[in-house]
């Protein structure tokens, strides 16, 4: 079965990648796993070997039919539950999240929805215990980098990311133009700053509005500049700092300082 470009399909070929993902995910028979886009079932096969219960969501009708036949024994035993749906739709179903309970997300996800998947799952009220994902290598690098982006800060707000291993393009069919990486994100069990969630994301969106501008000038479009200057001085942030230079802790402090402030525009 040919991969569909419209769905961003790149089927996994190298068994060592699946084995590495299972090891990093630390799966056991007591775990529940959610897999997005199982494709031809290369990763699914290894997930089932761990003894974990697997919930798999496949949007492609043809692949769904193929997988239901390929894993009919595991389905009949109740170890594998398949859904023929778009993960972006099914994740909105509160009963679905309730049914799977505490879970780990392990998947080879399409490049074009990586950011959306990360934000969607990490911001769930009942977040995955951990996420172990195959993503574009450059994206994984950006997520773990000290040079921050909107995506990296979004991930670090909810979890602790780690780039585990680089995966060459030859491990996929069709062969993509770029390399991939195994990205592991351990969800933070305690988020004492969760009350700042809305303000935090408001502040970072404004702060990154124009990468060429100094951070204080970006923020001054929405907040009082005199207060910004006082806050920057108090927090030890230089007036010349740019958004990418501030670590998560500083952004949280800014969100705290402006939590009661309304936007000017």
C-alpha atoms as a PDB file:
ATOM      1  CA  UNK A   1       0.000   0.000   0.000  1.00  0.00           C
ATOM      2  CA  UNK A   2       1.410   3.341  -1.086  1.00  0.00           C
ATOM      3  CA  UNK A   3       1.852   6.181   1.385  1.00  0.00           C
ATOM      4  CA  UNK A   4      -0.522   9.114   0.976  1.00  0.00           C
ATOM      5  CA  UNK A   5       1.305  12.427   0.762  1.00  0.00           C
ATOM      6  CA  UNK A   6      -1.844  14.307   1.774  1.00  0.00           C
ATOM      7  CA  UNK A   7      -1.748  12.568   5.168  1.00  0.00           C
ATOM      8  CA  UNK A   8       1.990  13.032   5.638  1.00  0.00           C
ATOM      9  CA  UNK A   9       2.554   9.269   5.670  1.00  0.00           C
ATOM     10  CA  UNK A  10       6.116   7.967   6.008  1.00  0.00           C
ATOM     11  CA  UNK A  11       6.108   4.338   7.089  1.00  0.00           C
ATOM     12  CA  UNK A  12       8.717   3.189   9.606  1.00  0.00           C
ATOM     13  CA  UNK A  13      11.112   0.491   8.382  1.00  0.00           C
ATOM     14  CA  UNK A  14      13.896   0.117  10.976  1.00  0.00           C
ATOM     15  CA  UNK A  15      12.984  -2.166  13.931  1.00  0.00           C
ATOM     16  CA  UNK A  16      15.685  -0.613  16.157  1.00  0.00           C
ATOM     17  CA  UNK A  17      13.737   2.650  16.181  1.00  0.00           C
ATOM     18  CA  UNK A  18      10.628   0.977  17.591  1.00  0.00           C
ATOM     19  CA  UNK A  19      12.733  -0.908  20.121  1.00  0.00           C
ATOM     20  CA  UNK A  20      14.424   2.315  21.210  1.00  0.00           C
ATOM     21  CA  UNK A  21      11.101   4.091  21.561  1.00  0.00           C
ATOM     22  CA  UNK A  22       9.723   1.292  23.748  1.00  0.00           C
ATOM     23  CA  UNK A  23      12.789   1.388  25.969  1.00  0.00           C
ATOM     24  CA  UNK A  24      12.574   5.159  26.399  1.00  0.00           C
ATOM     25  CA  UNK A  25       8.819   5.008  27.017  1.00  0.00           C
ATOM     26  CA  UNK A  26       9.514   2.388  29.695  1.00  0.00           C
ATOM     27  CA  UNK A  27       6.477   0.302  28.802  1.00  0.00           C
ATOM     28  CA  UNK A  28       5.157  -2.629  30.796  1.00  0.00           C
ATOM     29  CA  UNK A  29       2.032  -4.795  30.863  1.00  0.00           C
ATOM     30  CA  UNK A  30       0.437  -2.387  33.344  1.00  0.00           C
ATOM     31  CA  UNK A  31       0.633   0.558  30.928  1.00  0.00           C
ATOM     32  CA  UNK A  32      -1.922   1.980  28.528  1.00  0.00           C
ATOM     33  CA  UNK A  33      -0.566   3.383  25.273  1.00  0.00           C
ATOM     34  CA  UNK A  34      -2.087   5.667  22.678  1.00  0.00           C
ATOM     35  CA  UNK A  35      -0.638   5.453  19.166  1.00  0.00           C
ATOM     36  CA  UNK A  36      -1.488   7.996  16.480  1.00  0.00           C
ATOM     37  CA  UNK A  37      -1.332   6.940  12.833  1.00  0.00           C
ATOM     38  CA  UNK A  38      -0.043   3.362  13.173  1.00  0.00           C
ATOM     39  CA  UNK A  39       0.392   3.111   9.387  1.00  0.00           C
ATOM     40  CA  UNK A  40       1.354  -0.458   8.502  1.00  0.00           C
ATOM     41  CA  UNK A  41       1.748  -1.424  12.138  1.00  0.00           C
ATOM     42  CA  UNK A  42       5.558  -1.517  12.492  1.00  0.00           C
ATOM     43  CA  UNK A  43       5.507   0.330  15.816  1.00  0.00           C
ATOM     44  CA  UNK A  44       2.186  -1.211  16.870  1.00  0.00           C
ATOM     45  CA  UNK A  45       3.728  -4.672  16.735  1.00  0.00           C
ATOM     46  CA  UNK A  46       6.436  -3.669  19.209  1.00  0.00           C
ATOM     47  CA  UNK A  47       3.995  -1.859  21.480  1.00  0.00           C
ATOM     48  CA  UNK A  48       1.946  -5.037  21.769  1.00  0.00           C
ATOM     49  CA  UNK A  49       5.051  -7.074  22.627  1.00  0.00           C
ATOM     50  CA  UNK A  50       5.473  -4.973  25.758  1.00  0.00           C
ATOM     51  CA  UNK A  51       2.188  -6.356  27.050  1.00  0.00           C
ATOM     52  CA  UNK A  52       0.660  -2.897  27.323  1.00  0.00           C
ATOM     53  CA  UNK A  53      -2.910  -2.206  26.268  1.00  0.00           C
ATOM     54  CA  UNK A  54      -2.844  -0.199  23.054  1.00  0.00           C
ATOM     55  CA  UNK A  55      -5.375   2.292  21.707  1.00  0.00           C
ATOM     56  CA  UNK A  56      -4.561   3.139  18.083  1.00  0.00           C
ATOM     57  CA  UNK A  57      -6.161   5.890  16.001  1.00  0.00           C
ATOM     58  CA  UNK A  58      -5.853   5.614  12.211  1.00  0.00           C
ATOM     59  CA  UNK A  59      -7.460   8.152   9.883  1.00  0.00           C
ATOM     60  CA  UNK A  60      -6.734   6.291   6.625  1.00  0.00           C
ATOM     61  CA  UNK A  61      -9.649   3.957   5.801  1.00  0.00           C
ATOM     62  CA  UNK A  62      -7.530   1.503   3.796  1.00  0.00           C
ATOM     63  CA  UNK A  63      -4.856   1.207   6.480  1.00  0.00           C
ATOM     64  CA  UNK A  64      -7.518   0.836   9.147  1.00  0.00           C
ATOM     65  CA  UNK A  65      -8.957  -2.174   7.299  1.00  0.00           C
ATOM     66  CA  UNK A  66      -5.469  -3.653   6.797  1.00  0.00           C
ATOM     67  CA  UNK A  67      -4.558  -3.231  10.466  1.00  0.00           C
ATOM     68  CA  UNK A  68      -7.820  -4.696  11.735  1.00  0.00           C
ATOM     69  CA  UNK A  69      -7.041  -7.878   9.817  1.00  0.00           C
ATOM     70  CA  UNK A  70      -3.320  -7.900  10.673  1.00  0.00           C
ATOM     71  CA  UNK A  71      -3.940  -7.616  14.406  1.00  0.00           C
ATOM     72  CA  UNK A  72      -7.286  -9.439  14.654  1.00  0.00           C
ATOM     73  CA  UNK A  73      -6.004 -11.767  17.403  1.00  0.00           C
ATOM     74  CA  UNK A  74      -4.839  -8.894  19.620  1.00  0.00           C
ATOM     75  CA  UNK A  75      -8.124  -7.083  18.973  1.00  0.00           C
ATOM     76  CA  UNK A  76     -10.185 -10.142  19.907  1.00  0.00           C
ATOM     77  CA  UNK A  77      -8.194 -10.501  23.144  1.00  0.00           C
ATOM     78  CA  UNK A  78      -8.880  -6.878  24.018  1.00  0.00           C
ATOM     79  CA  UNK A  79      -5.214  -5.851  24.077  1.00  0.00           C
ATOM     80  CA  UNK A  80      -5.645  -3.614  21.032  1.00  0.00           C
ATOM     81  CA  UNK A  81      -8.464  -1.164  20.382  1.00  0.00           C
ATOM     82  CA  UNK A  82      -8.638   0.521  16.973  1.00  0.00           C
ATOM     83  CA  UNK A  83     -10.382   3.734  16.003  1.00  0.00           C
ATOM     84  CA  UNK A  84     -10.916   4.834  12.412  1.00  0.00           C
ATOM     85  CA  UNK A  85     -10.834   8.571  13.070  1.00  0.00           C
ATOM     86  CA  UNK A  86      -8.859  11.798  13.017  1.00  0.00           C
ATOM     87  CA  UNK A  87      -7.008  12.231  16.322  1.00  0.00           C
ATOM     88  CA  UNK A  88      -7.908  15.952  16.290  1.00  0.00           C
ATOM     89  CA  UNK A  89     -11.590  14.986  16.435  1.00  0.00           C
ATOM     90  CA  UNK A  90     -11.481  12.031  18.795  1.00  0.00           C
ATOM     91  CA  UNK A  91      -9.340  13.812  21.381  1.00  0.00           C
ATOM     92  CA  UNK A  92     -12.230  16.234  21.933  1.00  0.00           C
ATOM     93  CA  UNK A  93     -14.410  13.334  23.070  1.00  0.00           C
ATOM     94  CA  UNK A  94     -14.316  13.396  26.871  1.00  0.00           C
ATOM     95  CA  UNK A  95     -15.475   9.770  26.998  1.00  0.00           C
ATOM     96  CA  UNK A  96     -12.452   8.698  24.928  1.00  0.00           C
ATOM     97  CA  UNK A  97      -9.965  10.263  27.354  1.00  0.00           C
ATOM     98  CA  UNK A  98     -11.943   8.857  30.277  1.00  0.00           C
ATOM     99  CA  UNK A  99     -11.911   5.353  28.766  1.00  0.00           C
ATOM    100  CA  UNK A 100      -8.157   5.169  28.255  1.00  0.00           C
ATOM    101  CA  UNK A 101      -7.350   6.631  31.686  1.00  0.00           C
ATOM    102  CA  UNK A 102      -3.690   7.300  32.485  1.00  0.00           C
ATOM    103  CA  UNK A 103      -1.724   6.763  29.290  1.00  0.00           C
ATOM    104  CA  UNK A 104       1.556   7.181  27.464  1.00  0.00           C
ATOM    105  CA  UNK A 105       1.610   8.589  23.948  1.00  0.00           C
ATOM    106  CA  UNK A 106       3.981   6.713  21.616  1.00  0.00           C
ATOM    107  CA  UNK A 107       3.781   7.496  17.912  1.00  0.00           C
ATOM    108  CA  UNK A 108       5.374   8.282  14.570  1.00  0.00           C
ATOM    109  CA  UNK A 109       3.507  11.484  13.761  1.00  0.00           C
ATOM    110  CA  UNK A 110       3.291  13.395  10.458  1.00  0.00           C
ATOM    111  CA  UNK A 111       5.702  16.323  10.352  1.00  0.00           C
ATOM    112  CA  UNK A 112       3.048  18.847   9.403  1.00  0.00           C
ATOM    113  CA  UNK A 113       0.992  18.386  12.596  1.00  0.00           C
ATOM    114  CA  UNK A 114       3.860  17.997  15.090  1.00  0.00           C
ATOM    115  CA  UNK A 115       3.363  21.352  16.800  1.00  0.00           C
ATOM    116  CA  UNK A 116      -0.395  20.900  16.901  1.00  0.00           C
ATOM    117  CA  UNK A 117      -0.087  17.404  18.418  1.00  0.00           C
ATOM    118  CA  UNK A 118       2.338  18.592  21.099  1.00  0.00           C
ATOM    119  CA  UNK A 119       0.184  21.540  22.116  1.00  0.00           C
ATOM    120  CA  UNK A 120      -3.007  19.503  21.976  1.00  0.00           C
ATOM    121  CA  UNK A 121      -1.831  16.678  24.231  1.00  0.00           C
ATOM    122  CA  UNK A 122       0.300  18.671  26.644  1.00  0.00           C
ATOM    123  CA  UNK A 123      -2.551  21.074  27.368  1.00  0.00           C
ATOM    124  CA  UNK A 124      -5.102  18.338  28.083  1.00  0.00           C
ATOM    125  CA  UNK A 125      -6.571  18.387  31.560  1.00  0.00           C
ATOM    126  CA  UNK A 126      -5.540  14.730  31.734  1.00  0.00           C
ATOM    127  CA  UNK A 127      -2.166  14.880  30.026  1.00  0.00           C
ATOM    128  CA  UNK A 128      -0.185  11.800  28.937  1.00  0.00           C
ATOM    129  CA  UNK A 129       2.248  10.540  31.570  1.00  0.00           C
ATOM    130  CA  UNK A 130       4.894  10.849  28.861  1.00  0.00           C
ATOM    131  CA  UNK A 131       5.169  11.377  25.109  1.00  0.00           C
ATOM    132  CA  UNK A 132       7.648   9.440  22.971  1.00  0.00           C
ATOM    133  CA  UNK A 133       7.448  10.664  19.406  1.00  0.00           C
ATOM    134  CA  UNK A 134       9.188  10.436  16.071  1.00  0.00           C
ATOM    135  CA  UNK A 135       9.423  13.990  14.790  1.00  0.00           C
ATOM    136  CA  UNK A 136      11.500  15.998  12.327  1.00  0.00           C
ATOM    137  CA  UNK A 137      15.053  16.290  13.679  1.00  0.00           C
ATOM    138  CA  UNK A 138      15.164  20.076  13.409  1.00  0.00           C
ATOM    139  CA  UNK A 139      11.923  20.350  15.385  1.00  0.00           C
ATOM    140  CA  UNK A 140      13.310  18.134  18.152  1.00  0.00           C
ATOM    141  CA  UNK A 141      16.444  20.284  18.265  1.00  0.00           C
ATOM    142  CA  UNK A 142      14.370  23.449  18.620  1.00  0.00           C
ATOM    143  CA  UNK A 143      12.254  21.959  21.402  1.00  0.00           C
ATOM    144  CA  UNK A 144      15.256  21.063  23.589  1.00  0.00           C
ATOM    145  CA  UNK A 145      17.361  24.121  22.710  1.00  0.00           C
ATOM    146  CA  UNK A 146      18.223  26.926  25.142  1.00  0.00           C
ATOM    147  CA  UNK A 147      17.365  29.300  22.302  1.00  0.00           C
ATOM    148  CA  UNK A 148      13.642  29.451  22.946  1.00  0.00           C
ATOM    149  CA  UNK A 149      10.695  29.517  20.555  1.00  0.00           C
ATOM    150  CA  UNK A 150       6.957  29.540  21.088  1.00  0.00           C
ATOM    151  CA  UNK A 151       6.952  25.766  20.613  1.00  0.00           C
ATOM    152  CA  UNK A 152       9.840  25.029  22.975  1.00  0.00           C
ATOM    153  CA  UNK A 153       8.362  27.190  25.731  1.00  0.00           C
ATOM    154  CA  UNK A 154       4.945  25.586  25.238  1.00  0.00           C
ATOM    155  CA  UNK A 155       6.494  22.135  25.667  1.00  0.00           C
ATOM    156  CA  UNK A 156       8.647  23.152  28.652  1.00  0.00           C
ATOM    157  CA  UNK A 157       5.669  24.720  30.407  1.00  0.00           C
ATOM    158  CA  UNK A 158       4.076  21.265  30.692  1.00  0.00           C
ATOM    159  CA  UNK A 159       6.971  18.808  30.407  1.00  0.00           C
ATOM    160  CA  UNK A 160      10.664  17.974  30.332  1.00  0.00           C
ATOM    161  CA  UNK A 161      11.843  17.298  26.754  1.00  0.00           C
ATOM    162  CA  UNK A 162      14.825  15.186  25.726  1.00  0.00           C
ATOM    163  CA  UNK A 163      16.223  14.425  22.270  1.00  0.00           C
ATOM    164  CA  UNK A 164      16.927  10.694  22.522  1.00  0.00           C
ATOM    165  CA  UNK A 165      18.306   9.671  19.134  1.00  0.00           C
ATOM    166  CA  UNK A 166      18.641  10.804  15.544  1.00  0.00           C
ATOM    167  CA  UNK A 167      16.840   8.645  12.971  1.00  0.00           C
ATOM    168  CA  UNK A 168      18.038   8.741   9.373  1.00  0.00           C
ATOM    169  CA  UNK A 169      15.666   9.279   6.469  1.00  0.00           C
ATOM    170  CA  UNK A 170      16.484   5.780   5.179  1.00  0.00           C
ATOM    171  CA  UNK A 171      14.416   4.338   8.047  1.00  0.00           C
ATOM    172  CA  UNK A 172      11.205   5.470   6.347  1.00  0.00           C
ATOM    173  CA  UNK A 173       9.246   4.713   3.204  1.00  0.00           C
ATOM    174  CA  UNK A 174       8.882   6.882   1.261  1.00  0.00           C
ATOM    175  CA  UNK A 175      12.216   8.381   2.244  1.00  0.00           C
ATOM    176  CA  UNK A 176      11.694  11.959   3.519  1.00  0.00           C
ATOM    177  CA  UNK A 177      14.047  14.782   2.596  1.00  0.00           C
ATOM    178  CA  UNK A 178      15.040  15.340   6.227  1.00  0.00           C
ATOM    179  CA  UNK A 179      16.144  13.240   9.188  1.00  0.00           C
ATOM    180  CA  UNK A 180      13.946  12.490  12.169  1.00  0.00           C
ATOM    181  CA  UNK A 181      14.511  12.104  15.891  1.00  0.00           C
ATOM    182  CA  UNK A 182      13.015  10.330  18.865  1.00  0.00           C
ATOM    183  CA  UNK A 183      11.734  13.051  21.177  1.00  0.00           C
ATOM    184  CA  UNK A 184      10.740  12.062  24.714  1.00  0.00           C
ATOM    185  CA  UNK A 185       8.738  14.426  26.905  1.00  0.00           C
ATOM    186  CA  UNK A 186       8.056  13.560  30.521  1.00  0.00           C
ATOM    187  CA  UNK A 187       4.971  15.387  31.746  1.00  0.00           C
ATOM    188  CA  UNK A 188       5.501  17.454  34.869  1.00  0.00           C
ATOM    189  CA  UNK A 189       3.468  15.861  37.638  1.00  0.00           C
ATOM    190  CA  UNK A 190       3.217  19.140  39.523  1.00  0.00           C
ATOM    191  CA  UNK A 191       2.439  22.473  37.881  1.00  0.00           C
ATOM    192  CA  UNK A 192       2.304  25.030  40.709  1.00  0.00           C
ATOM    193  CA  UNK A 193       2.101  27.799  38.103  1.00  0.00           C
ATOM    194  CA  UNK A 194      -0.904  26.368  36.224  1.00  0.00           C
ATOM    195  CA  UNK A 195      -3.009  29.366  37.300  1.00  0.00           C
ATOM    196  CA  UNK A 196      -0.721  31.456  35.096  1.00  0.00           C
ATOM    197  CA  UNK A 197      -1.368  29.296  32.012  1.00  0.00           C
ATOM    198  CA  UNK A 198      -3.561  31.775  30.135  1.00  0.00           C
ATOM    199  CA  UNK A 199      -1.390  34.809  30.952  1.00  0.00           C
ATOM    200  CA  UNK A 200       1.831  32.893  30.219  1.00  0.00           C
ATOM    201  CA  UNK A 201       0.726  32.062  26.689  1.00  0.00           C
ATOM    202  CA  UNK A 202      -0.573  35.587  26.181  1.00  0.00           C
ATOM    203  CA  UNK A 203       2.802  37.033  27.196  1.00  0.00           C
ATOM    204  CA  UNK A 204       4.947  34.706  25.078  1.00  0.00           C
ATOM    205  CA  UNK A 205       2.778  35.218  21.980  1.00  0.00           C
ATOM    206  CA  UNK A 206       3.199  38.979  22.292  1.00  0.00           C
ATOM    207  CA  UNK A 207       6.879  38.633  23.174  1.00  0.00           C
ATOM    208  CA  UNK A 208       7.594  36.640  20.015  1.00  0.00           C
ATOM    209  CA  UNK A 209       5.383  38.799  17.765  1.00  0.00           C
ATOM    210  CA  UNK A 210       8.405  40.280  15.995  1.00  0.00           C
ATOM    211  CA  UNK A 211      11.665  38.350  16.329  1.00  0.00           C
ATOM    212  CA  UNK A 212      13.759  41.265  15.089  1.00  0.00           C
ATOM    213  CA  UNK A 213      12.532  43.597  17.818  1.00  0.00           C
ATOM    214  CA  UNK A 214      13.753  43.765  21.388  1.00  0.00           C
ATOM    215  CA  UNK A 215      11.489  41.910  23.785  1.00  0.00           C
ATOM    216  CA  UNK A 216      10.574  45.028  25.762  1.00  0.00           C
ATOM    217  CA  UNK A 217       9.401  46.780  22.584  1.00  0.00           C
ATOM    218  CA  UNK A 218       7.216  43.816  21.625  1.00  0.00           C
ATOM    219  CA  UNK A 219       5.653  43.672  25.076  1.00  0.00           C
ATOM    220  CA  UNK A 220       5.197  47.450  25.191  1.00  0.00           C
ATOM    221  CA  UNK A 221       2.583  47.118  22.461  1.00  0.00           C
ATOM    222  CA  UNK A 222       0.344  45.429  25.021  1.00  0.00           C
ATOM    223  CA  UNK A 223       1.582  46.465  28.474  1.00  0.00           C
ATOM    224  CA  UNK A 224       2.713  49.673  30.166  1.00  0.00           C
ATOM    225  CA  UNK A 225       6.331  50.352  29.195  1.00  0.00           C
ATOM    226  CA  UNK A 226       7.275  52.005  32.477  1.00  0.00           C
ATOM    227  CA  UNK A 227       6.075  48.956  34.394  1.00  0.00           C
ATOM    228  CA  UNK A 228       7.950  46.742  31.932  1.00  0.00           C
ATOM    229  CA  UNK A 229      11.186  48.635  32.591  1.00  0.00           C
ATOM    230  CA  UNK A 230      10.760  48.266  36.358  1.00  0.00           C
ATOM    231  CA  UNK A 231       9.888  44.584  36.015  1.00  0.00           C
ATOM    232  CA  UNK A 232      12.828  43.874  33.702  1.00  0.00           C
ATOM    233  CA  UNK A 233      15.197  45.520  36.175  1.00  0.00           C
ATOM    234  CA  UNK A 234      13.728  43.578  39.098  1.00  0.00           C
ATOM    235  CA  UNK A 235      14.000  40.258  37.230  1.00  0.00           C
ATOM    236  CA  UNK A 236      17.492  40.941  35.898  1.00  0.00           C
ATOM    237  CA  UNK A 237      16.387  41.050  32.259  1.00  0.00           C
ATOM    238  CA  UNK A 238      18.355  43.394  30.005  1.00  0.00           C
ATOM    239  CA  UNK A 239      16.436  46.020  28.026  1.00  0.00           C
ATOM    240  CA  UNK A 240      18.260  44.728  24.932  1.00  0.00           C
ATOM    241  CA  UNK A 241      17.102  41.114  25.465  1.00  0.00           C
ATOM    242  CA  UNK A 242      15.219  39.324  22.706  1.00  0.00           C
ATOM    243  CA  UNK A 243      12.435  36.809  23.272  1.00  0.00           C
ATOM    244  CA  UNK A 244      14.545  33.775  22.367  1.00  0.00           C
ATOM    245  CA  UNK A 245      17.054  34.585  25.134  1.00  0.00           C
ATOM    246  CA  UNK A 246      14.648  34.230  28.063  1.00  0.00           C
ATOM    247  CA  UNK A 247      14.321  30.832  29.770  1.00  0.00           C
ATOM    248  CA  UNK A 248      10.994  29.462  30.999  1.00  0.00           C
ATOM    249  CA  UNK A 249      11.524  30.725  34.557  1.00  0.00           C
ATOM    250  CA  UNK A 250      11.839  34.355  33.401  1.00  0.00           C
ATOM    251  CA  UNK A 251       8.705  34.101  31.250  1.00  0.00           C
ATOM    252  CA  UNK A 252       6.779  32.718  34.216  1.00  0.00           C
ATOM    253  CA  UNK A 253       7.963  35.654  36.307  1.00  0.00           C
ATOM    254  CA  UNK A 254       6.780  38.079  33.616  1.00  0.00           C
ATOM    255  CA  UNK A 255       3.399  36.339  33.503  1.00  0.00           C
ATOM    256  CA  UNK A 256       3.165  36.629  37.270  1.00  0.00           C
ATOM    257  CA  UNK A 257       4.055  40.333  37.192  1.00  0.00           C
ATOM    258  CA  UNK A 258       1.394  41.127  34.582  1.00  0.00           C
ATOM    259  CA  UNK A 259      -1.296  38.617  35.583  1.00  0.00           C
ATOM    260  CA  UNK A 260      -3.764  41.374  36.496  1.00  0.00           C
ATOM    261  CA  UNK A 261      -2.905  43.670  33.584  1.00  0.00           C
ATOM    262  CA  UNK A 262      -5.261  44.000  30.664  1.00  0.00           C
ATOM    263  CA  UNK A 263      -3.946  44.340  27.141  1.00  0.00           C
ATOM    264  CA  UNK A 264      -3.705  47.871  25.752  1.00  0.00           C
ATOM    265  CA  UNK A 265      -4.803  46.650  22.349  1.00  0.00           C
END
